Amino acid sequence: MKKTFSVNLGNQVYYIDDDAYLRLREYLDRIEGYFSDQKEREDIINDIELRISELFNERLGIGKQVVTLKDVEEMITIMGDRTK
C-alpha cells in the first residue's frame, strides 16, 4: 500500500504516489534552482508545469487515476534534465 498526494500542475489536480512525488519535487526544485531571476523562474516553471500536466494527461485515463514513479521517470526522459 502506498501513500498518495494531490498536487496541482498546470491548474489541474493529480493524485501521485509518494515516491513519484518525491522524484517530481526533486526535479522541479533542481529546475527552480537553476534560474536566478525570480520573474524568469516563475514563468519558466509555469510553462514546465503545463507541459508536465499535458504529459500526465496522456498517461491517465480510464482505469488509471494515479501518477506513478514510472510516469514521472518517463516525463523526465521526454522533458530532459540538463540541470545535473
PDB file of N, CA and C in Angstrom:
ATOM      1  N   MET A   1       0.849  -1.177   0.000  1.00  0.00           N
ATOM      2  CA  MET A   1       0.000   0.000   0.000  1.00  0.00           C
ATOM      3  C   MET A   1       0.894   1.240   0.000  1.00  0.00           C
ATOM      4  N   LYS A   2       0.591   2.189  -0.887  1.00  0.00           N
ATOM      5  CA  LYS A   2       1.357   3.418  -0.991  1.00  0.00           C
ATOM      6  C   LYS A   2       0.497   4.603  -0.583  1.00  0.00           C
ATOM      7  N   LYS A   3       1.179   5.629  -0.097  1.00  0.00           N
ATOM      8  CA  LYS A   3       0.513   6.892   0.166  1.00  0.00           C
ATOM      9  C   LYS A   3       0.420   7.647  -1.149  1.00  0.00           C
ATOM     10  N   THR A   4      -0.609   8.456  -1.276  1.00  0.00           N
ATOM     11  CA  THR A   4      -0.724   9.330  -2.440  1.00  0.00           C
ATOM     12  C   THR A   4      -0.881  10.769  -1.963  1.00  0.00           C
ATOM     13  N   PHE A   5      -0.458  11.671  -2.817  1.00  0.00           N
ATOM     14  CA  PHE A   5      -0.593  13.097  -2.570  1.00  0.00           C
ATOM     15  C   PHE A   5      -1.421  13.684  -3.703  1.00  0.00           C
ATOM     16  N   SER A   6      -2.055  14.795  -3.432  1.00  0.00           N
ATOM     17  CA  SER A   6      -2.678  15.534  -4.524  1.00  0.00           C
ATOM     18  C   SER A   6      -1.802  16.742  -4.810  1.00  0.00           C
ATOM     19  N   VAL A   7      -1.519  16.961  -6.085  1.00  0.00           N
ATOM     20  CA  VAL A   7      -0.686  18.087  -6.498  1.00  0.00           C
ATOM     21  C   VAL A   7      -1.404  18.841  -7.606  1.00  0.00           C
ATOM     22  N   ASN A   8      -1.102  20.116  -7.706  1.00  0.00           N
ATOM     23  CA  ASN A   8      -1.678  20.966  -8.731  1.00  0.00           C
ATOM     24  C   ASN A   8      -0.583  21.313  -9.729  1.00  0.00           C
ATOM     25  N   LEU A   9      -0.748  20.859 -10.955  1.00  0.00           N
ATOM     26  CA  LEU A   9       0.197  21.169 -12.035  1.00  0.00           C
ATOM     27  C   LEU A   9      -0.590  21.737 -13.196  1.00  0.00           C
ATOM     28  N   GLY A  10      -0.197  22.896 -13.648  1.00  0.00           N
ATOM     29  CA  GLY A  10      -0.904  23.477 -14.788  1.00  0.00           C
ATOM     30  C   GLY A  10      -2.377  23.682 -14.511  1.00  0.00           C
ATOM     31  N   ASN A  11      -2.710  24.067 -13.299  1.00  0.00           N
ATOM     32  CA  ASN A  11      -4.096  24.300 -12.866  1.00  0.00           C
ATOM     33  C   ASN A  11      -4.966  23.056 -12.935  1.00  0.00           C
ATOM     34  N   GLN A  12      -4.343  21.903 -12.806  1.00  0.00           N
ATOM     35  CA  GLN A  12      -5.074  20.642 -12.774  1.00  0.00           C
ATOM     36  C   GLN A  12      -4.566  19.826 -11.585  1.00  0.00           C
ATOM     37  N   VAL A  13      -5.466  19.141 -10.922  1.00  0.00           N
ATOM     38  CA  VAL A  13      -5.106  18.350  -9.754  1.00  0.00           C
ATOM     39  C   VAL A  13      -4.826  16.913 -10.178  1.00  0.00           C
ATOM     40  N   TYR A  14      -3.720  16.370  -9.657  1.00  0.00           N
ATOM     41  CA  TYR A  14      -3.332  14.984  -9.922  1.00  0.00           C
ATOM     42  C   TYR A  14      -3.092  14.278  -8.601  1.00  0.00           C
ATOM     43  N   TYR A  15      -3.403  12.995  -8.576  1.00  0.00           N
ATOM     44  CA  TYR A  15      -3.025  12.143  -7.458  1.00  0.00           C
ATOM     45  C   TYR A  15      -1.736  11.456  -7.860  1.00  0.00           C
ATOM     46  N   ILE A  16      -0.780  11.459  -6.947  1.00  0.00           N
ATOM     47  CA  ILE A  16       0.544  10.965  -7.273  1.00  0.00           C
ATOM     48  C   ILE A  16       1.083  10.126  -6.117  1.00  0.00           C
ATOM     49  N   ASP A  17       1.690   8.976  -6.443  1.00  0.00           N
ATOM     50  CA  ASP A  17       2.308   8.123  -5.416  1.00  0.00           C
ATOM     51  C   ASP A  17       3.397   8.893  -4.689  1.00  0.00           C
ATOM     52  N   ASP A  18       3.665   8.490  -3.444  1.00  0.00           N
ATOM     53  CA  ASP A  18       4.653   9.208  -2.643  1.00  0.00           C
ATOM     54  C   ASP A  18       6.047   9.185  -3.263  1.00  0.00           C
ATOM     55  N   ASP A  19       6.492   8.062  -3.816  1.00  0.00           N
ATOM     56  CA  ASP A  19       7.820   8.014  -4.421  1.00  0.00           C
ATOM     57  C   ASP A  19       7.873   8.841  -5.700  1.00  0.00           C
ATOM     58  N   ALA A  20       6.783   8.871  -6.441  1.00  0.00           N
ATOM     59  CA  ALA A  20       6.709   9.689  -7.643  1.00  0.00           C
ATOM     60  C   ALA A  20       6.710  11.172  -7.279  1.00  0.00           C
ATOM     61  N   TYR A  21       6.022  11.504  -6.193  1.00  0.00           N
ATOM     62  CA  TYR A  21       6.000  12.894  -5.727  1.00  0.00           C
ATOM     63  C   TYR A  21       7.403  13.366  -5.364  1.00  0.00           C
ATOM     64  N   LEU A  22       8.130  12.546  -4.641  1.00  0.00           N
ATOM     65  CA  LEU A  22       9.483  12.930  -4.235  1.00  0.00           C
ATOM     66  C   LEU A  22      10.388  13.156  -5.453  1.00  0.00           C
ATOM     67  N   ARG A  23      10.277  12.292  -6.440  1.00  0.00           N
ATOM     68  CA  ARG A  23      11.094  12.428  -7.660  1.00  0.00           C
ATOM     69  C   ARG A  23      10.692  13.672  -8.439  1.00  0.00           C
ATOM     70  N   LEU A  24       9.402  13.940  -8.554  1.00  0.00           N
ATOM     71  CA  LEU A  24       8.913  15.133  -9.244  1.00  0.00           C
ATOM     72  C   LEU A  24       9.353  16.393  -8.514  1.00  0.00           C
ATOM     73  N   ARG A  25       9.227  16.402  -7.191  1.00  0.00           N
ATOM     74  CA  ARG A  25       9.629  17.568  -6.402  1.00  0.00           C
ATOM     75  C   ARG A  25      11.129  17.836  -6.556  1.00  0.00           C
ATOM     76  N   GLU A  26      11.923  16.776  -6.545  1.00  0.00           N
ATOM     77  CA  GLU A  26      13.370  16.918  -6.732  1.00  0.00           C
ATOM     78  C   GLU A  26      13.676  17.533  -8.102  1.00  0.00           C
ATOM     79  N   TYR A  27      13.004  17.047  -9.118  1.00  0.00           N
ATOM     80  CA  TYR A  27      13.193  17.542 -10.486  1.00  0.00           C
ATOM     81  C   TYR A  27      12.828  19.027 -10.576  1.00  0.00           C
ATOM     82  N   LEU A  28      11.662  19.397 -10.056  1.00  0.00           N
ATOM     83  CA  LEU A  28      11.235  20.795 -10.119  1.00  0.00           C
ATOM     84  C   LEU A  28      12.109  21.702  -9.258  1.00  0.00           C
ATOM     85  N   ASP A  29      12.541  21.235  -8.103  1.00  0.00           N
ATOM     86  CA  ASP A  29      13.434  22.031  -7.257  1.00  0.00           C
ATOM     87  C   ASP A  29      14.753  22.322  -7.957  1.00  0.00           C
ATOM     88  N   ARG A  30      15.270  21.311  -8.651  1.00  0.00           N
ATOM     89  CA  ARG A  30      16.532  21.485  -9.373  1.00  0.00           C
ATOM     90  C   ARG A  30      16.371  22.517 -10.492  1.00  0.00           C
ATOM     91  N   ILE A  31      15.250  22.469 -11.193  1.00  0.00           N
ATOM     92  CA  ILE A  31      14.995  23.449 -12.246  1.00  0.00           C
ATOM     93  C   ILE A  31      14.861  24.849 -11.655  1.00  0.00           C
ATOM     94  N   GLU A  32      14.111  24.963 -10.558  1.00  0.00           N
ATOM     95  CA  GLU A  32      13.946  26.263  -9.911  1.00  0.00           C
ATOM     96  C   GLU A  32      15.286  26.839  -9.483  1.00  0.00           C
ATOM     97  N   GLY A  33      16.162  26.003  -8.963  1.00  0.00           N
ATOM     98  CA  GLY A  33      17.472  26.458  -8.510  1.00  0.00           C
ATOM     99  C   GLY A  33      18.389  26.871  -9.642  1.00  0.00           C
ATOM    100  N   TYR A  34      18.088  26.442 -10.841  1.00  0.00           N
ATOM    101  CA  TYR A  34      18.919  26.735 -11.998  1.00  0.00           C
ATOM    102  C   TYR A  34      18.779  28.191 -12.445  1.00  0.00           C
ATOM    103  N   PHE A  35      17.609  28.791 -12.206  1.00  0.00           N
ATOM    104  CA  PHE A  35      17.329  30.149 -12.658  1.00  0.00           C
ATOM    105  C   PHE A  35      17.410  31.124 -11.485  1.00  0.00           C
ATOM    106  N   SER A  36      18.220  32.168 -11.647  1.00  0.00           N
ATOM    107  CA  SER A  36      18.415  33.111 -10.549  1.00  0.00           C
ATOM    108  C   SER A  36      17.383  34.237 -10.556  1.00  0.00           C
ATOM    109  N   ASP A  37      16.900  34.644 -11.709  1.00  0.00           N
ATOM    110  CA  ASP A  37      15.933  35.726 -11.803  1.00  0.00           C
ATOM    111  C   ASP A  37      14.547  35.220 -11.405  1.00  0.00           C
ATOM    112  N   GLN A  38      13.941  35.823 -10.378  1.00  0.00           N
ATOM    113  CA  GLN A  38      12.666  35.366  -9.825  1.00  0.00           C
ATOM    114  C   GLN A  38      11.548  35.350 -10.866  1.00  0.00           C
ATOM    115  N   LYS A  39      11.393  36.429 -11.620  1.00  0.00           N
ATOM    116  CA  LYS A  39      10.313  36.506 -12.615  1.00  0.00           C
ATOM    117  C   LYS A  39      10.527  35.473 -13.716  1.00  0.00           C
ATOM    118  N   GLU A  40      11.751  35.366 -14.198  1.00  0.00           N
ATOM    119  CA  GLU A  40      12.075  34.383 -15.231  1.00  0.00           C
ATOM    120  C   GLU A  40      11.784  32.973 -14.722  1.00  0.00           C
ATOM    121  N   ARG A  41      12.179  32.701 -13.483  1.00  0.00           N
ATOM    122  CA  ARG A  41      11.972  31.375 -12.889  1.00  0.00           C
ATOM    123  C   ARG A  41      10.492  31.032 -12.819  1.00  0.00           C
ATOM    124  N   GLU A  42       9.666  31.969 -12.359  1.00  0.00           N
ATOM    125  CA  GLU A  42       8.224  31.718 -12.238  1.00  0.00           C
ATOM    126  C   GLU A  42       7.599  31.405 -13.593  1.00  0.00           C
ATOM    127  N   ASP A  43       7.953  32.194 -14.614  1.00  0.00           N
ATOM    128  CA  ASP A  43       7.400  31.972 -15.953  1.00  0.00           C
ATOM    129  C   ASP A  43       7.820  30.622 -16.505  1.00  0.00           C
ATOM    130  N   ILE A  44       9.077  30.292 -16.342  1.00  0.00           N
ATOM    131  CA  ILE A  44       9.592  29.023 -16.869  1.00  0.00           C
ATOM    132  C   ILE A  44       8.968  27.842 -16.136  1.00  0.00           C
ATOM    133  N   ILE A  45       8.890  27.913 -14.817  1.00  0.00           N
ATOM    134  CA  ILE A  45       8.292  26.822 -14.033  1.00  0.00           C
ATOM    135  C   ILE A  45       6.829  26.646 -14.410  1.00  0.00           C
ATOM    136  N   ASN A  46       6.105  27.734 -14.606  1.00  0.00           N
ATOM    137  CA  ASN A  46       4.702  27.626 -15.022  1.00  0.00           C
ATOM    138  C   ASN A  46       4.579  26.915 -16.364  1.00  0.00           C
ATOM    139  N   ASP A  47       5.440  27.280 -17.307  1.00  0.00           N
ATOM    140  CA  ASP A  47       5.427  26.616 -18.617  1.00  0.00           C
ATOM    141  C   ASP A  47       5.772  25.136 -18.498  1.00  0.00           C
ATOM    142  N   ILE A  48       6.759  24.829 -17.687  1.00  0.00           N
ATOM    143  CA  ILE A  48       7.167  23.432 -17.484  1.00  0.00           C
ATOM    144  C   ILE A  48       6.040  22.640 -16.833  1.00  0.00           C
ATOM    145  N   GLU A  49       5.392  23.218 -15.830  1.00  0.00           N
ATOM    146  CA  GLU A  49       4.283  22.524 -15.169  1.00  0.00           C
ATOM    147  C   GLU A  49       3.126  22.271 -16.130  1.00  0.00           C
ATOM    148  N   LEU A  50       2.869  23.210 -17.029  1.00  0.00           N
ATOM    149  CA  LEU A  50       1.822  22.996 -18.037  1.00  0.00           C
ATOM    150  C   LEU A  50       2.172  21.814 -18.937  1.00  0.00           C
ATOM    151  N   ARG A  51       3.433  21.732 -19.351  1.00  0.00           N
ATOM    152  CA  ARG A  51       3.844  20.623 -20.215  1.00  0.00           C
ATOM    153  C   ARG A  51       3.796  19.299 -19.459  1.00  0.00           C
ATOM    154  N   ILE A  52       4.226  19.298 -18.203  1.00  0.00           N
ATOM    155  CA  ILE A  52       4.151  18.080 -17.389  1.00  0.00           C
ATOM    156  C   ILE A  52       2.697  17.640 -17.269  1.00  0.00           C
ATOM    157  N   SER A  53       1.804  18.581 -17.065  1.00  0.00           N
ATOM    158  CA  SER A  53       0.373  18.282 -16.971  1.00  0.00           C
ATOM    159  C   SER A  53      -0.123  17.612 -18.245  1.00  0.00           C
ATOM    160  N   GLU A  54       0.292  18.128 -19.397  1.00  0.00           N
ATOM    161  CA  GLU A  54      -0.098  17.513 -20.677  1.00  0.00           C
ATOM    162  C   GLU A  54       0.401  16.073 -20.761  1.00  0.00           C
ATOM    163  N   LEU A  55       1.648  15.852 -20.362  1.00  0.00           N
ATOM    164  CA  LEU A  55       2.216  14.506 -20.425  1.00  0.00           C
ATOM    165  C   LEU A  55       1.497  13.551 -19.475  1.00  0.00           C
ATOM    166  N   PHE A  56       1.176  14.019 -18.277  1.00  0.00           N
ATOM    167  CA  PHE A  56       0.454  13.170 -17.333  1.00  0.00           C
ATOM    168  C   PHE A  56      -0.952  12.853 -17.849  1.00  0.00           C
ATOM    169  N   ASN A  57      -1.603  13.823 -18.478  1.00  0.00           N
ATOM    170  CA  ASN A  57      -2.945  13.581 -19.031  1.00  0.00           C
ATOM    171  C   ASN A  57      -2.918  12.487 -20.083  1.00  0.00           C
ATOM    172  N   GLU A  58      -1.833  12.417 -20.849  1.00  0.00           N
ATOM    173  CA  GLU A  58      -1.705  11.368 -21.857  1.00  0.00           C
ATOM    174  C   GLU A  58      -1.632   9.983 -21.216  1.00  0.00           C
ATOM    175  N   ARG A  59      -1.108   9.903 -20.001  1.00  0.00           N
ATOM    176  CA  ARG A  59      -0.913   8.607 -19.342  1.00  0.00           C
ATOM    177  C   ARG A  59      -2.095   8.194 -18.467  1.00  0.00           C
ATOM    178  N   LEU A  60      -2.868   9.166 -18.035  1.00  0.00           N
ATOM    179  CA  LEU A  60      -4.003   8.857 -17.172  1.00  0.00           C
ATOM    180  C   LEU A  60      -5.256   8.693 -18.014  1.00  0.00           C
ATOM    181  N   GLY A  61      -6.143   7.897 -17.554  1.00  0.00           N
ATOM    182  CA  GLY A  61      -7.383   7.698 -18.294  1.00  0.00           C
ATOM    183  C   GLY A  61      -8.254   6.692 -17.576  1.00  0.00           C
ATOM    184  N   ILE A  62      -9.064   6.022 -18.347  1.00  0.00           N
ATOM    185  CA  ILE A  62      -9.981   5.038 -17.776  1.00  0.00           C
ATOM    186  C   ILE A  62      -9.171   3.953 -17.085  1.00  0.00           C
ATOM    187  N   GLY A  63      -9.440   3.754 -15.820  1.00  0.00           N
ATOM    188  CA  GLY A  63      -8.764   2.707 -15.065  1.00  0.00           C
ATOM    189  C   GLY A  63      -7.459   3.131 -14.434  1.00  0.00           C
ATOM    190  N   LYS A  64      -6.953   4.311 -14.787  1.00  0.00           N
ATOM    191  CA  LYS A  64      -5.711   4.781 -14.173  1.00  0.00           C
ATOM    192  C   LYS A  64      -5.932   6.198 -13.679  1.00  0.00           C
ATOM    193  N   GLN A  65      -5.743   6.373 -12.352  1.00  0.00           N
ATOM    194  CA  GLN A  65      -6.029   7.674 -11.761  1.00  0.00           C
ATOM    195  C   GLN A  65      -4.849   8.259 -11.011  1.00  0.00           C
ATOM    196  N   VAL A  66      -3.788   7.484 -10.831  1.00  0.00           N
ATOM    197  CA  VAL A  66      -2.669   7.927 -10.008  1.00  0.00           C
ATOM    198  C   VAL A  66      -1.389   7.957 -10.838  1.00  0.00           C
ATOM    199  N   VAL A  67      -0.647   9.052 -10.716  1.00  0.00           N
ATOM    200  CA  VAL A  67       0.648   9.178 -11.375  1.00  0.00           C
ATOM    201  C   VAL A  67       1.660   8.349 -10.583  1.00  0.00           C
ATOM    202  N   THR A  68       2.413   7.523 -11.291  1.00  0.00           N
ATOM    203  CA  THR A  68       3.382   6.638 -10.654  1.00  0.00           C
ATOM    204  C   THR A  68       4.804   7.125 -10.908  1.00  0.00           C
ATOM    205  N   LEU A  69       5.752   6.488 -10.231  1.00  0.00           N
ATOM    206  CA  LEU A  69       7.159   6.807 -10.432  1.00  0.00           C
ATOM    207  C   LEU A  69       7.550   6.582 -11.897  1.00  0.00           C
ATOM    208  N   LYS A  70       7.038   5.529 -12.489  1.00  0.00           N
ATOM    209  CA  LYS A  70       7.326   5.260 -13.903  1.00  0.00           C
ATOM    210  C   LYS A  70       6.850   6.415 -14.779  1.00  0.00           C
ATOM    211  N   ASP A  71       5.677   6.956 -14.489  1.00  0.00           N
ATOM    212  CA  ASP A  71       5.165   8.100 -15.251  1.00  0.00           C
ATOM    213  C   ASP A  71       6.089   9.310 -15.117  1.00  0.00           C
ATOM    214  N   VAL A  72       6.556   9.554 -13.902  1.00  0.00           N
ATOM    215  CA  VAL A  72       7.449  10.689 -13.666  1.00  0.00           C
ATOM    216  C   VAL A  72       8.774  10.473 -14.387  1.00  0.00           C
ATOM    217  N   GLU A  73       9.325   9.270 -14.305  1.00  0.00           N
ATOM    218  CA  GLU A  73      10.592   8.985 -14.988  1.00  0.00           C
ATOM    219  C   GLU A  73      10.447   9.146 -16.501  1.00  0.00           C
ATOM    220  N   GLU A  74       9.329   8.686 -17.056  1.00  0.00           N
ATOM    221  CA  GLU A  74       9.091   8.847 -18.495  1.00  0.00           C
ATOM    222  C   GLU A  74       8.960  10.325 -18.854  1.00  0.00           C
ATOM    223  N   MET A  75       8.290  11.098 -18.007  1.00  0.00           N
ATOM    224  CA  MET A  75       8.155  12.536 -18.238  1.00  0.00           C
ATOM    225  C   MET A  75       9.532  13.195 -18.245  1.00  0.00           C
ATOM    226  N   ILE A  76      10.391  12.838 -17.299  1.00  0.00           N
ATOM    227  CA  ILE A  76      11.733  13.429 -17.221  1.00  0.00           C
ATOM    228  C   ILE A  76      12.546  13.054 -18.458  1.00  0.00           C
ATOM    229  N   THR A  77      12.393  11.843 -18.927  1.00  0.00           N
ATOM    230  CA  THR A  77      13.077  11.423 -20.149  1.00  0.00           C
ATOM    231  C   THR A  77      12.647  12.289 -21.327  1.00  0.00           C
ATOM    232  N   ILE A  78      11.361  12.561 -21.429  1.00  0.00           N
ATOM    233  CA  ILE A  78      10.847  13.392 -22.523  1.00  0.00           C
ATOM    234  C   ILE A  78      11.283  14.848 -22.356  1.00  0.00           C
ATOM    235  N   MET A  79      11.157  15.359 -21.148  1.00  0.00           N
ATOM    236  CA  MET A  79      11.454  16.777 -20.892  1.00  0.00           C
ATOM    237  C   MET A  79      12.958  17.055 -20.873  1.00  0.00           C
ATOM    238  N   GLY A  80      13.719  16.064 -20.446  1.00  0.00           N
ATOM    239  CA  GLY A  80      15.166  16.257 -20.318  1.00  0.00           C
ATOM    240  C   GLY A  80      15.514  16.781 -18.937  1.00  0.00           C
ATOM    241  N   ASP A  81      16.774  16.630 -18.586  1.00  0.00           N
ATOM    242  CA  ASP A  81      17.259  17.068 -17.278  1.00  0.00           C
ATOM    243  C   ASP A  81      18.686  17.568 -17.431  1.00  0.00           C
ATOM    244  N   ARG A  82      18.823  18.785 -17.859  1.00  0.00           N
ATOM    245  CA  ARG A  82      20.143  19.362 -18.110  1.00  0.00           C
ATOM    246  C   ARG A  82      20.710  20.099 -16.908  1.00  0.00           C
ATOM    247  N   THR A  83      20.042  20.011 -15.767  1.00  0.00           N
ATOM    248  CA  THR A  83      20.499  20.737 -14.582  1.00  0.00           C
ATOM    249  C   THR A  83      21.465  19.921 -13.734  1.00  0.00           C
ATOM    250  N   LYS A  84      21.689  18.668 -14.081  1.00  0.00           N
ATOM    251  CA  LYS A  84      22.568  17.805 -13.284  1.00  0.00           C
ATOM    252  C   LYS A  84      24.010  18.197 -13.476  1.00  0.00           C
TER     253      LYS A  84
END
